[in-house]
C-alpha atoms as a PDB file:
ATOM      1  CA  MET A   1       4.743 -14.636 -11.041  1.00  0.00           C
ATOM      2  CA  LYS A   2       4.807 -16.262  -7.915  1.00  0.00           C
ATOM      3  CA  GLU A   3       4.003 -14.721  -4.499  1.00  0.00           C
ATOM      4  CA  GLU A   4       6.339 -17.152  -2.756  1.00  0.00           C
ATOM      5  CA  GLU A   5       9.260 -15.402  -4.477  1.00  0.00           C
ATOM      6  CA  TYR A   6       8.532 -12.085  -2.678  1.00  0.00           C
ATOM      7  CA  VAL A   7       7.002 -13.446   0.708  1.00  0.00           C
ATOM      8  CA  GLY A   8       9.540 -13.257   3.614  1.00  0.00           C
ATOM      9  CA  ALA A   9      12.195 -11.804   1.625  1.00  0.00           C
ATOM     10  CA  ILE A  10      13.691  -8.348   2.611  1.00  0.00           C
ATOM     11  CA  PHE A  11      14.800  -6.278  -0.476  1.00  0.00           C
ATOM     12  CA  ALA A  12      17.036  -3.445   0.490  1.00  0.00           C
ATOM     13  CA  SER A  13      19.543  -0.956  -0.741  1.00  0.00           C
ATOM     14  CA  THR A  14      22.868   0.289   0.779  1.00  0.00           C
ATOM     15  CA  ASP A  15      22.001   3.747  -0.196  1.00  0.00           C
ATOM     16  CA  LYS A  16      21.880   6.368   2.709  1.00  0.00           C
ATOM     17  CA  GLY A  17      19.271   5.341   5.119  1.00  0.00           C
ATOM     18  CA  GLU A  18      19.314   1.807   3.885  1.00  0.00           C
ATOM     19  CA  PRO A  19      15.699   1.775   2.425  1.00  0.00           C
ATOM     20  CA  PHE A  20      13.969  -1.658   2.214  1.00  0.00           C
ATOM     21  CA  LEU A  21      10.663  -3.434   1.514  1.00  0.00           C
ATOM     22  CA  LYS A  22       9.468  -6.795   3.104  1.00  0.00           C
ATOM     23  CA  PHE A  23       6.388  -8.727   1.962  1.00  0.00           C
ATOM     24  CA  ALA A  24       4.233 -10.948   4.319  1.00  0.00           C
ATOM     25  CA  ASP A  25       2.177 -13.797   3.215  1.00  0.00           C
ATOM     26  CA  ASP A  26      -1.055 -12.057   4.579  1.00  0.00           C
ATOM     27  CA  GLY A  27      -0.866  -9.570   1.716  1.00  0.00           C
ATOM     28  CA  THR A  28       0.815  -6.857   3.517  1.00  0.00           C
ATOM     29  CA  TYR A  29       4.198  -5.146   3.171  1.00  0.00           C
ATOM     30  CA  SER A  30       6.374  -2.908   5.329  1.00  0.00           C
ATOM     31  CA  GLY A  31       9.590  -0.992   4.909  1.00  0.00           C
ATOM     32  CA  SER A  32      11.195   2.190   5.118  1.00  0.00           C
ATOM     33  CA  ASP A  33      12.277   4.836   2.618  1.00  0.00           C
ATOM     34  CA  GLY A  34      15.417   5.414   4.569  1.00  0.00           C
ATOM     35  CA  CYS A  35      13.963   7.759   7.140  1.00  0.00           C
ATOM     36  CA  ASN A  36      10.286   7.169   7.346  1.00  0.00           C
ATOM     37  CA  GLY A  37       8.374   3.768   7.869  1.00  0.00           C
ATOM     38  CA  LEU A  38       5.757   2.639   5.663  1.00  0.00           C
ATOM     39  CA  ARG A  39       3.075  -0.110   5.304  1.00  0.00           C
ATOM     40  CA  GLY A  40       0.472  -1.199   3.149  1.00  0.00           C
ATOM     41  CA  THR A  41      -1.164  -4.025   1.354  1.00  0.00           C
ATOM     42  CA  TYR A  42      -0.202  -5.685  -1.996  1.00  0.00           C
ATOM     43  CA  GLU A  43      -2.213  -7.595  -4.608  1.00  0.00           C
ATOM     44  CA  VAL A  44      -0.701 -10.247  -6.949  1.00  0.00           C
ATOM     45  CA  GLY A  45      -0.666  -9.419 -10.704  1.00  0.00           C
ATOM     46  CA  ASP A  46       0.370 -11.393 -13.661  1.00  0.00           C
ATOM     47  CA  ASP A  47       4.094 -10.447 -13.387  1.00  0.00           C
ATOM     48  CA  GLU A  48       4.077  -7.657 -10.477  1.00  0.00           C
ATOM     49  CA  LEU A  49       2.802  -6.882  -7.195  1.00  0.00           C
ATOM     50  CA  VAL A  50       0.614  -3.875  -7.041  1.00  0.00           C
ATOM     51  CA  LEU A  51       1.314  -1.814  -3.886  1.00  0.00           C
ATOM     52  CA  ASN A  52      -1.611  -0.284  -1.882  1.00  0.00           C
ATOM     53  CA  PRO A  53       0.032   2.350   0.308  1.00  0.00           C
ATOM     54  CA  GLY A  54      -1.321   2.630   3.870  1.00  0.00           C
ATOM     55  CA  LEU A  55       0.242   4.246   6.974  1.00  0.00           C
ATOM     56  CA  SER A  56       3.502   6.169   6.876  1.00  0.00           C
ATOM     57  CA  THR A  57       5.576   8.492   8.999  1.00  0.00           C
ATOM     58  CA  LEU A  58       6.293  11.926   7.501  1.00  0.00           C
ATOM     59  CA  ARG A  59       9.582  12.951   9.007  1.00  0.00           C
ATOM     60  CA  ALA A  60      11.790  15.394   7.297  1.00  0.00           C
ATOM     61  CA  CYS A  61      14.786  13.459   5.967  1.00  0.00           C
ATOM     62  CA  PRO A  62      17.714  16.068   4.911  1.00  0.00           C
ATOM     63  CA  GLY A  63      20.058  14.112   2.688  1.00  0.00           C
ATOM     64  CA  ILE A  64      17.838  11.010   2.235  1.00  0.00           C
ATOM     65  CA  ASP A  65      16.314  10.207  -1.207  1.00  0.00           C
ATOM     66  CA  THR A  66      12.913   8.891  -0.239  1.00  0.00           C
ATOM     67  CA  TRP A  67      11.934   7.454  -3.602  1.00  0.00           C
ATOM     68  CA  VAL A  68      10.634   4.215  -2.162  1.00  0.00           C
ATOM     69  CA  ARG A  69       7.585   6.167  -0.627  1.00  0.00           C
ATOM     70  CA  ASN A  70       6.344   6.673  -4.261  1.00  0.00           C
ATOM     71  CA  ALA A  71       6.371   2.906  -5.258  1.00  0.00           C
ATOM     72  CA  THR A  72       3.025   1.659  -6.486  1.00  0.00           C
ATOM     73  CA  SER A  73       4.169  -1.582  -8.094  1.00  0.00           C
ATOM     74  CA  VAL A  74       7.244  -3.866  -7.934  1.00  0.00           C
ATOM     75  CA  LYS A  75       8.758  -6.688 -10.564  1.00  0.00           C
ATOM     76  CA  LEU A  76      11.198  -9.274  -9.426  1.00  0.00           C
ATOM     77  CA  ASP A  77      14.154  -9.673 -11.891  1.00  0.00           C
ATOM     78  CA  SER A  78      16.182 -12.428 -10.462  1.00  0.00           C
ATOM     79  CA  ASP A  79      17.254 -11.214  -6.989  1.00  0.00           C
ATOM     80  CA  THR A  80      16.477  -7.568  -7.850  1.00  0.00           C
ATOM     81  CA  LEU A  81      13.196  -5.892  -6.981  1.00  0.00           C
ATOM     82  CA  VAL A  82      12.356  -3.250  -9.573  1.00  0.00           C
ATOM     83  CA  VAL A  83      10.362  -0.466  -8.283  1.00  0.00           C
ATOM     84  CA  PHE A  84       7.760   1.564 -10.413  1.00  0.00           C
ATOM     85  CA  ASP A  85       5.875   4.666  -9.509  1.00  0.00           C
ATOM     86  CA  LYS A  86       2.253   5.403 -10.498  1.00  0.00           C
ATOM     87  CA  SER A  87       3.144   6.532 -14.072  1.00  0.00           C
ATOM     88  CA  GLY A  88       4.871   2.979 -14.617  1.00  0.00           C
ATOM     89  CA  SER A  89       8.278   4.636 -14.577  1.00  0.00           C
ATOM     90  CA  GLU A  90      11.090   2.646 -12.863  1.00  0.00           C
ATOM     91  CA  ILE A  91      12.204   4.711  -9.805  1.00  0.00           C
ATOM     92  CA  GLY A  92      14.754   2.398  -8.413  1.00  0.00           C
ATOM     93  CA  THR A  93      15.833  -1.139  -7.341  1.00  0.00           C
ATOM     94  CA  LEU A  94      16.431  -2.940  -4.349  1.00  0.00           C
ATOM     95  CA  ALA A  95      18.488  -6.264  -3.825  1.00  0.00           C
ATOM     96  CA  ARG A  96      17.399  -9.309  -2.002  1.00  0.00           C
ATOM     97  CA  SER A  97      19.036  -9.523   1.413  1.00  0.00           C
END
């Protein structure tokens, strides 16, 4: 896995609220679950990025699926970011914008 494949790219969805994640070269990420902003750090693994959640807002978001908030790791599959939760289950995907 090459960190450069993630850095600077925005991975987003057209789902309601338009959730997204963006990775910076300083080991941080930012994004939105479609309603709440989120930030944290990431570590480079063999074939994934491990996310260490940090600050997030906690607004009520009726009608918005806030699945991105549960992300603990991501893997790149071509131009698709596959998102996993803490149990290792796939919880969604985001496309490179």
